[in-house]
């Protein structure tokens, strides 16, 4: 039976093997792109660098301080992974293994290359981990479940796994609060939060809350360093399609050539689009945020609030930044 320190060593080792320039990694990145064209070299490198930093031995030790040194009664935890952005299911695998449990993993076919690389690297370093990880096409009779998917798939998961402890995640997105006092650097960083991973992640900003008299032009100008997304075939197809819909319906909108911006109360715009909503005062804004709480993954702003993330940090979560605010480690250790 492996101890907590064994898992820390294994994942710390993996961290050194996720550096984009590490031996063999460029080939894996290329394979991931060929499998899924949304996983560009730049986006995968960004993801790998972030995880490499997170998997520092001190970071892992501090994160795992609250759990026992060794799990005397490991459970089999099913993990149904999404594949919308690179390695989006990795934190669940990390949590299950570091809590001393066994992982029964249903990979997304959109992200199997990177996840298999991580799993194989872990087992190569510590062969005993082969007894803790199983890749499967069907998660059957686990002791617990962590599943990520759409609202539709979540309904299926909730019905099928209703008898076992579970964490089931639905569609969420992230929002930004703009006050009008942002610096150019902050607006540039906000643009990163919008465009990283082409906006496909639940931590990507898809909705802006701006003051009633706010001029959007400086903010849109700040997105120009992401104009190259227009050269990505899949992204450009989305832009062309939704632009045509807006024009045919005479929908008022702004068009930068690579981003369609529309005033709308909804939180989930189509890909390549950004919604915004004007607020009159802080009370009104807070009421909207509270009403949409179950749909919001993260709030980005420069306001001094413990629940807000600084501009530019939406897609660099730490080990303790749990999806949907549900502490995965606590869930696993309480099974």
C-alpha atoms as a PDB file:
ATOM      1  CA  UNK A   1       0.000   0.000   0.000  1.00  0.00           C
ATOM      2  CA  UNK A   2       1.380   3.361  -0.999  1.00  0.00           C
ATOM      3  CA  UNK A   3       1.705   6.189   1.517  1.00  0.00           C
ATOM      4  CA  UNK A   4       0.901   9.856   1.079  1.00  0.00           C
ATOM      5  CA  UNK A   5       4.599  10.587   0.639  1.00  0.00           C
ATOM      6  CA  UNK A   6       4.764   8.013  -2.180  1.00  0.00           C
ATOM      7  CA  UNK A   7       2.027   9.839  -4.074  1.00  0.00           C
ATOM      8  CA  UNK A   8       3.692  13.198  -3.441  1.00  0.00           C
ATOM      9  CA  UNK A   9       6.953  11.874  -4.859  1.00  0.00           C
ATOM     10  CA  UNK A  10       5.221  10.379  -7.900  1.00  0.00           C
ATOM     11  CA  UNK A  11       3.301  13.542  -8.787  1.00  0.00           C
ATOM     12  CA  UNK A  12       6.279  15.755  -8.064  1.00  0.00           C
ATOM     13  CA  UNK A  13       8.251  13.641 -10.527  1.00  0.00           C
ATOM     14  CA  UNK A  14       5.437  13.983 -13.058  1.00  0.00           C
ATOM     15  CA  UNK A  15       5.668  17.752 -12.651  1.00  0.00           C
ATOM     16  CA  UNK A  16       9.227  17.660 -13.982  1.00  0.00           C
ATOM     17  CA  UNK A  17       8.013  15.676 -16.981  1.00  0.00           C
ATOM     18  CA  UNK A  18       5.307  18.185 -17.888  1.00  0.00           C
ATOM     19  CA  UNK A  19       7.659  21.001 -18.795  1.00  0.00           C
ATOM     20  CA  UNK A  20       6.968  21.577 -22.509  1.00  0.00           C
ATOM     21  CA  UNK A  21      10.675  21.333 -23.358  1.00  0.00           C
ATOM     22  CA  UNK A  22      11.169  18.061 -21.437  1.00  0.00           C
ATOM     23  CA  UNK A  23      12.222  14.977 -23.367  1.00  0.00           C
ATOM     24  CA  UNK A  24       9.341  13.498 -25.329  1.00  0.00           C
ATOM     25  CA  UNK A  25       6.834  16.195 -24.428  1.00  0.00           C
ATOM     26  CA  UNK A  26       6.874  18.099 -27.771  1.00  0.00           C
ATOM     27  CA  UNK A  27       5.896  14.853 -29.524  1.00  0.00           C
ATOM     28  CA  UNK A  28       3.037  14.325 -27.055  1.00  0.00           C
ATOM     29  CA  UNK A  29       1.861  17.895 -27.624  1.00  0.00           C
ATOM     30  CA  UNK A  30       1.843  17.335 -31.380  1.00  0.00           C
ATOM     31  CA  UNK A  31      -0.081  14.071 -30.977  1.00  0.00           C
ATOM     32  CA  UNK A  32      -2.626  15.823 -28.748  1.00  0.00           C
ATOM     33  CA  UNK A  33      -3.138  18.498 -31.414  1.00  0.00           C
ATOM     34  CA  UNK A  34      -3.595  15.944 -34.187  1.00  0.00           C
ATOM     35  CA  UNK A  35      -6.202  14.177 -32.047  1.00  0.00           C
ATOM     36  CA  UNK A  36      -7.986  17.414 -31.151  1.00  0.00           C
ATOM     37  CA  UNK A  37      -7.277  20.578 -33.106  1.00  0.00           C
ATOM     38  CA  UNK A  38      -8.509  22.780 -30.250  1.00  0.00           C
ATOM     39  CA  UNK A  39      -5.409  21.662 -28.326  1.00  0.00           C
ATOM     40  CA  UNK A  40      -2.906  23.946 -30.022  1.00  0.00           C
ATOM     41  CA  UNK A  41       0.748  23.847 -29.024  1.00  0.00           C
ATOM     42  CA  UNK A  42       0.402  27.212 -27.280  1.00  0.00           C
ATOM     43  CA  UNK A  43      -2.622  26.166 -25.249  1.00  0.00           C
ATOM     44  CA  UNK A  44      -1.182  22.797 -24.250  1.00  0.00           C
ATOM     45  CA  UNK A  45       2.133  24.409 -23.279  1.00  0.00           C
ATOM     46  CA  UNK A  46       0.254  26.914 -21.108  1.00  0.00           C
ATOM     47  CA  UNK A  47      -1.582  24.055 -19.391  1.00  0.00           C
ATOM     48  CA  UNK A  48       1.532  21.932 -18.873  1.00  0.00           C
ATOM     49  CA  UNK A  49       3.515  24.835 -17.436  1.00  0.00           C
ATOM     50  CA  UNK A  50       0.764  25.586 -14.951  1.00  0.00           C
ATOM     51  CA  UNK A  51       0.546  21.972 -13.796  1.00  0.00           C
ATOM     52  CA  UNK A  52       4.316  21.673 -13.614  1.00  0.00           C
ATOM     53  CA  UNK A  53       4.345  24.624 -11.200  1.00  0.00           C
ATOM     54  CA  UNK A  54       1.472  23.184  -9.138  1.00  0.00           C
ATOM     55  CA  UNK A  55       3.114  19.781  -8.762  1.00  0.00           C
ATOM     56  CA  UNK A  56       6.019  21.140  -6.768  1.00  0.00           C
ATOM     57  CA  UNK A  57       6.705  18.862  -3.777  1.00  0.00           C
ATOM     58  CA  UNK A  58       6.149  21.661  -1.237  1.00  0.00           C
ATOM     59  CA  UNK A  59       2.854  22.650  -2.884  1.00  0.00           C
ATOM     60  CA  UNK A  60       1.641  19.064  -2.809  1.00  0.00           C
ATOM     61  CA  UNK A  61       2.690  18.542   0.814  1.00  0.00           C
ATOM     62  CA  UNK A  62       0.949  21.702   1.966  1.00  0.00           C
ATOM     63  CA  UNK A  63      -2.207  20.832   0.018  1.00  0.00           C
ATOM     64  CA  UNK A  64      -2.344  17.335   1.527  1.00  0.00           C
ATOM     65  CA  UNK A  65      -1.615  18.345   5.125  1.00  0.00           C
ATOM     66  CA  UNK A  66      -5.211  17.765   6.194  1.00  0.00           C
ATOM     67  CA  UNK A  67      -5.474  14.117   5.126  1.00  0.00           C
ATOM     68  CA  UNK A  68      -4.025  10.972   6.823  1.00  0.00           C
ATOM     69  CA  UNK A  69      -0.523   9.800   5.987  1.00  0.00           C
ATOM     70  CA  UNK A  70      -1.969   6.566   4.609  1.00  0.00           C
ATOM     71  CA  UNK A  71      -5.439   5.426   3.634  1.00  0.00           C
ATOM     72  CA  UNK A  72      -6.104   2.106   5.389  1.00  0.00           C
ATOM     73  CA  UNK A  73      -9.324   1.452   3.474  1.00  0.00           C
ATOM     74  CA  UNK A  74      -8.989   2.580  -0.163  1.00  0.00           C
ATOM     75  CA  UNK A  75     -12.173   3.015  -2.169  1.00  0.00           C
ATOM     76  CA  UNK A  76     -12.660   2.717  -5.923  1.00  0.00           C
ATOM     77  CA  UNK A  77     -13.666   6.110  -7.271  1.00  0.00           C
ATOM     78  CA  UNK A  78     -15.085   6.471 -10.749  1.00  0.00           C
ATOM     79  CA  UNK A  79     -13.898   9.540 -12.633  1.00  0.00           C
ATOM     80  CA  UNK A  80     -15.786  10.567 -15.768  1.00  0.00           C
ATOM     81  CA  UNK A  81     -13.653  13.227 -17.412  1.00  0.00           C
ATOM     82  CA  UNK A  82     -14.532  16.077 -19.724  1.00  0.00           C
ATOM     83  CA  UNK A  83     -12.288  17.096 -22.614  1.00  0.00           C
ATOM     84  CA  UNK A  84     -13.144  20.710 -23.353  1.00  0.00           C
ATOM     85  CA  UNK A  85      -9.666  21.976 -22.410  1.00  0.00           C
ATOM     86  CA  UNK A  86      -6.336  20.168 -21.921  1.00  0.00           C
ATOM     87  CA  UNK A  87      -6.068  18.001 -18.786  1.00  0.00           C
ATOM     88  CA  UNK A  88      -9.341  19.304 -17.352  1.00  0.00           C
ATOM     89  CA  UNK A  89      -9.815  15.984 -15.519  1.00  0.00           C
ATOM     90  CA  UNK A  90      -6.316  15.823 -14.071  1.00  0.00           C
ATOM     91  CA  UNK A  91      -7.152  17.453 -10.729  1.00  0.00           C
ATOM     92  CA  UNK A  92      -9.738  14.732 -10.045  1.00  0.00           C
ATOM     93  CA  UNK A  93      -7.189  11.998 -10.767  1.00  0.00           C
ATOM     94  CA  UNK A  94      -4.651  13.776  -8.563  1.00  0.00           C
ATOM     95  CA  UNK A  95      -7.159  14.083  -5.713  1.00  0.00           C
ATOM     96  CA  UNK A  96      -8.314  10.465  -5.880  1.00  0.00           C
ATOM     97  CA  UNK A  97      -4.815   9.032  -5.891  1.00  0.00           C
ATOM     98  CA  UNK A  98      -3.294  11.373  -3.312  1.00  0.00           C
ATOM     99  CA  UNK A  99      -6.151  10.540  -0.934  1.00  0.00           C
ATOM    100  CA  UNK A 100      -5.030   6.910  -1.207  1.00  0.00           C
ATOM    101  CA  UNK A 101      -7.995   5.716  -3.274  1.00  0.00           C
ATOM    102  CA  UNK A 102      -8.160   3.800  -6.530  1.00  0.00           C
ATOM    103  CA  UNK A 103      -9.150   5.610  -9.732  1.00  0.00           C
ATOM    104  CA  UNK A 104     -11.479   4.023 -12.278  1.00  0.00           C
ATOM    105  CA  UNK A 105     -11.098   6.482 -15.137  1.00  0.00           C
ATOM    106  CA  UNK A 106     -13.339   7.098 -18.123  1.00  0.00           C
ATOM    107  CA  UNK A 107     -11.242   9.364 -20.320  1.00  0.00           C
ATOM    108  CA  UNK A 108     -12.670  11.822 -22.784  1.00  0.00           C
ATOM    109  CA  UNK A 109     -11.629  10.871 -26.301  1.00  0.00           C
ATOM    110  CA  UNK A 110     -10.847  14.569 -26.814  1.00  0.00           C
ATOM    111  CA  UNK A 111      -8.137  14.508 -24.144  1.00  0.00           C
ATOM    112  CA  UNK A 112      -6.884  10.942 -23.969  1.00  0.00           C
ATOM    113  CA  UNK A 113      -3.391  11.675 -25.302  1.00  0.00           C
ATOM    114  CA  UNK A 114      -2.313  14.022 -22.498  1.00  0.00           C
ATOM    115  CA  UNK A 115      -4.046  12.036 -19.755  1.00  0.00           C
ATOM    116  CA  UNK A 116      -2.522   8.732 -20.897  1.00  0.00           C
ATOM    117  CA  UNK A 117       0.885  10.393 -20.957  1.00  0.00           C
ATOM    118  CA  UNK A 118       0.415  11.499 -17.337  1.00  0.00           C
ATOM    119  CA  UNK A 119      -0.818   8.080 -16.213  1.00  0.00           C
ATOM    120  CA  UNK A 120       1.967   6.208 -18.005  1.00  0.00           C
ATOM    121  CA  UNK A 121       4.590   8.569 -16.598  1.00  0.00           C
ATOM    122  CA  UNK A 122       3.301   8.024 -13.057  1.00  0.00           C
ATOM    123  CA  UNK A 123       3.306   4.226 -13.424  1.00  0.00           C
ATOM    124  CA  UNK A 124       6.728   4.219 -15.063  1.00  0.00           C
ATOM    125  CA  UNK A 125       8.146   6.110 -12.072  1.00  0.00           C
ATOM    126  CA  UNK A 126       6.276   4.096  -9.419  1.00  0.00           C
ATOM    127  CA  UNK A 127       5.024   0.762 -10.856  1.00  0.00           C
ATOM    128  CA  UNK A 128       2.850   0.098  -7.784  1.00  0.00           C
ATOM    129  CA  UNK A 129       0.511   2.785  -9.098  1.00  0.00           C
ATOM    130  CA  UNK A 130      -0.688   0.291 -11.689  1.00  0.00           C
ATOM    131  CA  UNK A 131      -2.824  -1.171  -8.900  1.00  0.00           C
ATOM    132  CA  UNK A 132      -4.409   2.239  -8.281  1.00  0.00           C
ATOM    133  CA  UNK A 133      -5.357   3.328 -11.809  1.00  0.00           C
ATOM    134  CA  UNK A 134      -7.636   1.620 -14.299  1.00  0.00           C
ATOM    135  CA  UNK A 135      -8.792   3.147 -17.582  1.00  0.00           C
ATOM    136  CA  UNK A 136     -12.234   1.935 -18.561  1.00  0.00           C
ATOM    137  CA  UNK A 137     -14.935   2.563 -21.151  1.00  0.00           C
ATOM    138  CA  UNK A 138     -17.684   2.094 -18.566  1.00  0.00           C
ATOM    139  CA  UNK A 139     -17.676   3.131 -14.923  1.00  0.00           C
ATOM    140  CA  UNK A 140     -19.539   0.330 -13.175  1.00  0.00           C
ATOM    141  CA  UNK A 141     -20.256  -0.007  -9.439  1.00  0.00           C
ATOM    142  CA  UNK A 142     -17.681   2.398  -7.981  1.00  0.00           C
ATOM    143  CA  UNK A 143     -17.684   3.317  -4.297  1.00  0.00           C
ATOM    144  CA  UNK A 144     -17.891   6.985  -5.244  1.00  0.00           C
ATOM    145  CA  UNK A 145     -18.058   9.080  -8.380  1.00  0.00           C
ATOM    146  CA  UNK A 146     -16.696  12.350  -9.739  1.00  0.00           C
ATOM    147  CA  UNK A 147     -18.231  13.245 -13.098  1.00  0.00           C
ATOM    148  CA  UNK A 148     -17.970  16.337 -15.254  1.00  0.00           C
ATOM    149  CA  UNK A 149     -20.174  17.049 -18.247  1.00  0.00           C
ATOM    150  CA  UNK A 150     -23.038  19.026 -19.684  1.00  0.00           C
ATOM    151  CA  UNK A 151     -26.328  19.707 -17.946  1.00  0.00           C
ATOM    152  CA  UNK A 152     -27.864  16.898 -19.992  1.00  0.00           C
ATOM    153  CA  UNK A 153     -25.220  14.327 -19.086  1.00  0.00           C
ATOM    154  CA  UNK A 154     -25.412  15.431 -15.447  1.00  0.00           C
ATOM    155  CA  UNK A 155     -29.055  14.384 -15.323  1.00  0.00           C
ATOM    156  CA  UNK A 156     -28.063  10.936 -16.544  1.00  0.00           C
ATOM    157  CA  UNK A 157     -25.219  10.688 -14.043  1.00  0.00           C
ATOM    158  CA  UNK A 158     -27.461  11.757 -11.166  1.00  0.00           C
ATOM    159  CA  UNK A 159     -30.011   9.093 -12.043  1.00  0.00           C
ATOM    160  CA  UNK A 160     -27.583   6.263 -12.758  1.00  0.00           C
ATOM    161  CA  UNK A 161     -25.315   6.904  -9.741  1.00  0.00           C
ATOM    162  CA  UNK A 162     -27.959   8.141  -7.300  1.00  0.00           C
ATOM    163  CA  UNK A 163     -27.192   5.365  -4.802  1.00  0.00           C
ATOM    164  CA  UNK A 164     -23.515   6.209  -4.318  1.00  0.00           C
ATOM    165  CA  UNK A 165     -21.705   9.300  -2.993  1.00  0.00           C
ATOM    166  CA  UNK A 166     -20.905  11.599  -5.882  1.00  0.00           C
ATOM    167  CA  UNK A 167     -19.765  14.953  -7.170  1.00  0.00           C
ATOM    168  CA  UNK A 168     -21.480  15.753 -10.451  1.00  0.00           C
ATOM    169  CA  UNK A 169     -20.567  18.959 -12.256  1.00  0.00           C
ATOM    170  CA  UNK A 170     -22.752  20.779 -14.765  1.00  0.00           C
ATOM    171  CA  UNK A 171     -22.243  23.660 -17.170  1.00  0.00           C
ATOM    172  CA  UNK A 172     -20.620  26.676 -15.554  1.00  0.00           C
ATOM    173  CA  UNK A 173     -18.833  29.723 -16.831  1.00  0.00           C
ATOM    174  CA  UNK A 174     -16.922  32.673 -15.413  1.00  0.00           C
ATOM    175  CA  UNK A 175     -17.666  36.374 -15.333  1.00  0.00           C
ATOM    176  CA  UNK A 176     -15.709  39.595 -14.951  1.00  0.00           C
ATOM    177  CA  UNK A 177     -16.640  42.762 -13.111  1.00  0.00           C
ATOM    178  CA  UNK A 178     -15.327  45.914 -14.773  1.00  0.00           C
ATOM    179  CA  UNK A 179     -15.398  49.217 -12.876  1.00  0.00           C
ATOM    180  CA  UNK A 180     -13.896  51.545 -15.460  1.00  0.00           C
ATOM    181  CA  UNK A 181     -10.773  52.095 -13.358  1.00  0.00           C
ATOM    182  CA  UNK A 182      -8.771  49.234 -14.853  1.00  0.00           C
ATOM    183  CA  UNK A 183      -5.277  49.812 -16.192  1.00  0.00           C
ATOM    184  CA  UNK A 184      -4.303  48.849 -19.726  1.00  0.00           C
ATOM    185  CA  UNK A 185      -2.354  45.934 -18.246  1.00  0.00           C
ATOM    186  CA  UNK A 186      -5.445  44.704 -16.408  1.00  0.00           C
ATOM    187  CA  UNK A 187      -7.557  44.918 -19.541  1.00  0.00           C
ATOM    188  CA  UNK A 188      -4.908  42.958 -21.442  1.00  0.00           C
ATOM    189  CA  UNK A 189      -4.989  40.332 -18.704  1.00  0.00           C
ATOM    190  CA  UNK A 190      -8.790  40.206 -18.854  1.00  0.00           C
ATOM    191  CA  UNK A 191      -8.483  39.492 -22.569  1.00  0.00           C
ATOM    192  CA  UNK A 192      -6.353  36.463 -21.663  1.00  0.00           C
ATOM    193  CA  UNK A 193      -9.125  35.250 -19.361  1.00  0.00           C
ATOM    194  CA  UNK A 194     -11.548  35.499 -22.270  1.00  0.00           C
ATOM    195  CA  UNK A 195      -9.447  33.887 -25.008  1.00  0.00           C
ATOM    196  CA  UNK A 196      -7.273  31.286 -23.276  1.00  0.00           C
ATOM    197  CA  UNK A 197      -8.234  27.836 -24.644  1.00  0.00           C
ATOM    198  CA  UNK A 198     -10.435  29.703 -27.159  1.00  0.00           C
ATOM    199  CA  UNK A 199     -12.914  30.364 -24.348  1.00  0.00           C
ATOM    200  CA  UNK A 200     -13.851  26.678 -24.027  1.00  0.00           C
ATOM    201  CA  UNK A 201     -13.203  26.310 -20.281  1.00  0.00           C
ATOM    202  CA  UNK A 202     -15.604  26.884 -17.410  1.00  0.00           C
ATOM    203  CA  UNK A 203     -13.034  29.297 -15.968  1.00  0.00           C
ATOM    204  CA  UNK A 204     -13.015  31.392 -19.133  1.00  0.00           C
ATOM    205  CA  UNK A 205     -14.768  34.751 -18.872  1.00  0.00           C
ATOM    206  CA  UNK A 206     -17.817  34.783 -21.154  1.00  0.00           C
ATOM    207  CA  UNK A 207     -19.814  37.569 -19.498  1.00  0.00           C
ATOM    208  CA  UNK A 208     -18.836  41.094 -18.479  1.00  0.00           C
ATOM    209  CA  UNK A 209     -20.594  43.308 -15.965  1.00  0.00           C
ATOM    210  CA  UNK A 210     -19.770  46.924 -16.800  1.00  0.00           C
ATOM    211  CA  UNK A 211     -20.936  50.322 -15.423  1.00  0.00           C
ATOM    212  CA  UNK A 212     -24.002  51.899 -17.018  1.00  0.00           C
ATOM    213  CA  UNK A 213     -21.944  54.498 -18.896  1.00  0.00           C
ATOM    214  CA  UNK A 214     -18.945  52.302 -19.701  1.00  0.00           C
ATOM    215  CA  UNK A 215     -17.215  52.676 -23.081  1.00  0.00           C
ATOM    216  CA  UNK A 216     -16.360  49.205 -24.387  1.00  0.00           C
ATOM    217  CA  UNK A 217     -13.851  50.401 -26.986  1.00  0.00           C
ATOM    218  CA  UNK A 218     -10.697  50.431 -24.770  1.00  0.00           C
ATOM    219  CA  UNK A 219     -11.530  46.958 -23.492  1.00  0.00           C
ATOM    220  CA  UNK A 220     -12.054  45.602 -27.003  1.00  0.00           C
ATOM    221  CA  UNK A 221      -8.838  47.273 -28.150  1.00  0.00           C
ATOM    222  CA  UNK A 222      -7.061  45.374 -25.379  1.00  0.00           C
ATOM    223  CA  UNK A 223      -8.126  42.064 -26.916  1.00  0.00           C
ATOM    224  CA  UNK A 224      -6.187  42.710 -30.132  1.00  0.00           C
ATOM    225  CA  UNK A 225      -3.235  40.553 -29.045  1.00  0.00           C
ATOM    226  CA  UNK A 226      -5.579  37.570 -29.426  1.00  0.00           C
ATOM    227  CA  UNK A 227      -6.672  38.454 -32.955  1.00  0.00           C
ATOM    228  CA  UNK A 228      -4.812  35.401 -34.278  1.00  0.00           C
ATOM    229  CA  UNK A 229      -7.683  33.188 -33.099  1.00  0.00           C
ATOM    230  CA  UNK A 230      -9.359  34.236 -36.353  1.00  0.00           C
ATOM    231  CA  UNK A 231      -6.791  32.055 -38.142  1.00  0.00           C
ATOM    232  CA  UNK A 232      -7.914  28.926 -36.294  1.00  0.00           C
ATOM    233  CA  UNK A 233     -10.305  27.087 -38.596  1.00  0.00           C
ATOM    234  CA  UNK A 234     -12.703  25.747 -35.944  1.00  0.00           C
ATOM    235  CA  UNK A 235     -12.885  29.048 -34.085  1.00  0.00           C
ATOM    236  CA  UNK A 236     -13.296  31.047 -37.317  1.00  0.00           C
ATOM    237  CA  UNK A 237     -16.164  28.780 -38.414  1.00  0.00           C
ATOM    238  CA  UNK A 238     -17.987  29.602 -35.171  1.00  0.00           C
ATOM    239  CA  UNK A 239     -17.413  33.326 -35.673  1.00  0.00           C
ATOM    240  CA  UNK A 240     -18.700  33.216 -39.248  1.00  0.00           C
ATOM    241  CA  UNK A 241     -21.785  31.234 -38.283  1.00  0.00           C
ATOM    242  CA  UNK A 242     -22.834  33.385 -35.334  1.00  0.00           C
ATOM    243  CA  UNK A 243     -22.075  36.604 -37.209  1.00  0.00           C
ATOM    244  CA  UNK A 244     -24.477  35.455 -39.919  1.00  0.00           C
ATOM    245  CA  UNK A 245     -27.141  34.669 -37.305  1.00  0.00           C
ATOM    246  CA  UNK A 246     -26.754  38.100 -35.702  1.00  0.00           C
ATOM    247  CA  UNK A 247     -26.939  39.867 -39.057  1.00  0.00           C
ATOM    248  CA  UNK A 248     -29.942  37.918 -40.307  1.00  0.00           C
ATOM    249  CA  UNK A 249     -31.804  38.595 -37.072  1.00  0.00           C
ATOM    250  CA  UNK A 250     -30.732  42.264 -37.046  1.00  0.00           C
ATOM    251  CA  UNK A 251     -29.215  41.652 -33.606  1.00  0.00           C
ATOM    252  CA  UNK A 252     -27.314  44.657 -32.330  1.00  0.00           C
ATOM    253  CA  UNK A 253     -23.702  43.689 -31.638  1.00  0.00           C
ATOM    254  CA  UNK A 254     -20.060  44.737 -31.917  1.00  0.00           C
ATOM    255  CA  UNK A 255     -17.661  42.836 -34.170  1.00  0.00           C
ATOM    256  CA  UNK A 256     -13.880  42.960 -33.818  1.00  0.00           C
ATOM    257  CA  UNK A 257     -13.396  40.433 -36.603  1.00  0.00           C
ATOM    258  CA  UNK A 258     -12.543  37.703 -34.103  1.00  0.00           C
ATOM    259  CA  UNK A 259     -15.050  38.365 -31.298  1.00  0.00           C
ATOM    260  CA  UNK A 260     -18.770  39.141 -31.395  1.00  0.00           C
ATOM    261  CA  UNK A 261     -19.906  41.239 -28.434  1.00  0.00           C
ATOM    262  CA  UNK A 262     -23.562  41.482 -27.486  1.00  0.00           C
ATOM    263  CA  UNK A 263     -25.487  43.051 -24.615  1.00  0.00           C
ATOM    264  CA  UNK A 264     -27.375  40.172 -23.016  1.00  0.00           C
ATOM    265  CA  UNK A 265     -28.502  39.098 -19.553  1.00  0.00           C
ATOM    266  CA  UNK A 266     -27.595  35.445 -20.175  1.00  0.00           C
ATOM    267  CA  UNK A 267     -24.287  33.964 -18.969  1.00  0.00           C
ATOM    268  CA  UNK A 268     -23.520  31.431 -21.690  1.00  0.00           C
ATOM    269  CA  UNK A 269     -22.869  32.963 -25.118  1.00  0.00           C
ATOM    270  CA  UNK A 270     -21.991  30.813 -28.135  1.00  0.00           C
ATOM    271  CA  UNK A 271     -18.320  30.180 -28.798  1.00  0.00           C
ATOM    272  CA  UNK A 272     -16.543  33.258 -30.250  1.00  0.00           C
ATOM    273  CA  UNK A 273     -19.108  35.543 -28.599  1.00  0.00           C
ATOM    274  CA  UNK A 274     -18.984  37.641 -25.439  1.00  0.00           C
ATOM    275  CA  UNK A 275     -21.978  38.929 -23.512  1.00  0.00           C
ATOM    276  CA  UNK A 276     -22.030  42.065 -21.370  1.00  0.00           C
ATOM    277  CA  UNK A 277     -24.537  43.662 -19.009  1.00  0.00           C
ATOM    278  CA  UNK A 278     -24.575  47.170 -17.574  1.00  0.00           C
ATOM    279  CA  UNK A 279     -25.076  47.731 -13.845  1.00  0.00           C
ATOM    280  CA  UNK A 280     -26.193  50.899 -12.075  1.00  0.00           C
ATOM    281  CA  UNK A 281     -24.870  50.197  -8.594  1.00  0.00           C
ATOM    282  CA  UNK A 282     -23.172  47.578  -6.447  1.00  0.00           C
ATOM    283  CA  UNK A 283     -26.440  46.365  -4.927  1.00  0.00           C
ATOM    284  CA  UNK A 284     -27.913  45.571  -8.337  1.00  0.00           C
ATOM    285  CA  UNK A 285     -24.729  43.814  -9.405  1.00  0.00           C
ATOM    286  CA  UNK A 286     -24.591  41.656  -6.271  1.00  0.00           C
ATOM    287  CA  UNK A 287     -28.217  40.619  -6.733  1.00  0.00           C
ATOM    288  CA  UNK A 288     -27.427  39.387 -10.241  1.00  0.00           C
ATOM    289  CA  UNK A 289     -24.356  37.484  -9.051  1.00  0.00           C
ATOM    290  CA  UNK A 290     -26.272  35.804  -6.228  1.00  0.00           C
ATOM    291  CA  UNK A 291     -29.086  34.817  -8.589  1.00  0.00           C
ATOM    292  CA  UNK A 292     -26.565  33.211 -10.974  1.00  0.00           C
ATOM    293  CA  UNK A 293     -24.371  31.649  -8.308  1.00  0.00           C
ATOM    294  CA  UNK A 294     -24.985  28.046  -9.426  1.00  0.00           C
ATOM    295  CA  UNK A 295     -23.862  28.875 -12.965  1.00  0.00           C
ATOM    296  CA  UNK A 296     -20.706  30.835 -12.137  1.00  0.00           C
ATOM    297  CA  UNK A 297     -17.356  29.106 -11.714  1.00  0.00           C
ATOM    298  CA  UNK A 298     -15.211  32.170 -11.012  1.00  0.00           C
ATOM    299  CA  UNK A 299     -15.482  35.943 -10.742  1.00  0.00           C
ATOM    300  CA  UNK A 300     -12.618  38.007 -12.138  1.00  0.00           C
ATOM    301  CA  UNK A 301     -12.023  41.620 -11.081  1.00  0.00           C
ATOM    302  CA  UNK A 302      -9.567  43.981  -9.407  1.00  0.00           C
ATOM    303  CA  UNK A 303     -11.912  44.477  -6.461  1.00  0.00           C
ATOM    304  CA  UNK A 304     -10.725  43.597  -2.981  1.00  0.00           C
ATOM    305  CA  UNK A 305     -12.934  40.565  -2.431  1.00  0.00           C
ATOM    306  CA  UNK A 306     -11.920  37.102  -1.173  1.00  0.00           C
ATOM    307  CA  UNK A 307     -14.127  35.475  -3.816  1.00  0.00           C
ATOM    308  CA  UNK A 308     -12.626  37.319  -6.755  1.00  0.00           C
ATOM    309  CA  UNK A 309      -9.668  36.316  -8.924  1.00  0.00           C
ATOM    310  CA  UNK A 310      -7.262  38.963 -10.264  1.00  0.00           C
ATOM    311  CA  UNK A 311      -7.377  39.650 -13.983  1.00  0.00           C
ATOM    312  CA  UNK A 312      -5.272  37.179 -15.948  1.00  0.00           C
ATOM    313  CA  UNK A 313      -5.468  34.412 -13.348  1.00  0.00           C
ATOM    314  CA  UNK A 314      -8.703  32.683 -14.341  1.00  0.00           C
ATOM    315  CA  UNK A 315      -6.964  29.777 -16.050  1.00  0.00           C
ATOM    316  CA  UNK A 316      -4.146  29.295 -13.534  1.00  0.00           C
ATOM    317  CA  UNK A 317      -5.970  27.647 -10.617  1.00  0.00           C
ATOM    318  CA  UNK A 318      -3.991  26.294  -7.684  1.00  0.00           C
ATOM    319  CA  UNK A 319      -4.397  22.909  -6.038  1.00  0.00           C
ATOM    320  CA  UNK A 320      -7.003  24.249  -3.597  1.00  0.00           C
ATOM    321  CA  UNK A 321      -9.108  25.976  -6.262  1.00  0.00           C
ATOM    322  CA  UNK A 322     -11.800  23.321  -6.458  1.00  0.00           C
ATOM    323  CA  UNK A 323     -14.307  23.199  -9.298  1.00  0.00           C
ATOM    324  CA  UNK A 324     -17.776  24.416  -8.273  1.00  0.00           C
ATOM    325  CA  UNK A 325     -16.343  25.277  -4.839  1.00  0.00           C
ATOM    326  CA  UNK A 326     -16.669  21.629  -3.735  1.00  0.00           C
ATOM    327  CA  UNK A 327     -13.627  20.396  -1.798  1.00  0.00           C
ATOM    328  CA  UNK A 328     -12.768  17.168  -3.613  1.00  0.00           C
ATOM    329  CA  UNK A 329     -10.236  16.044  -1.013  1.00  0.00           C
ATOM    330  CA  UNK A 330     -12.752  16.455   1.803  1.00  0.00           C
ATOM    331  CA  UNK A 331     -15.339  14.479  -0.170  1.00  0.00           C
ATOM    332  CA  UNK A 332     -12.860  11.649  -0.747  1.00  0.00           C
ATOM    333  CA  UNK A 333     -11.503  11.448   2.785  1.00  0.00           C
ATOM    334  CA  UNK A 334     -15.021  11.387   4.252  1.00  0.00           C
ATOM    335  CA  UNK A 335     -16.192   8.395   2.203  1.00  0.00           C
END
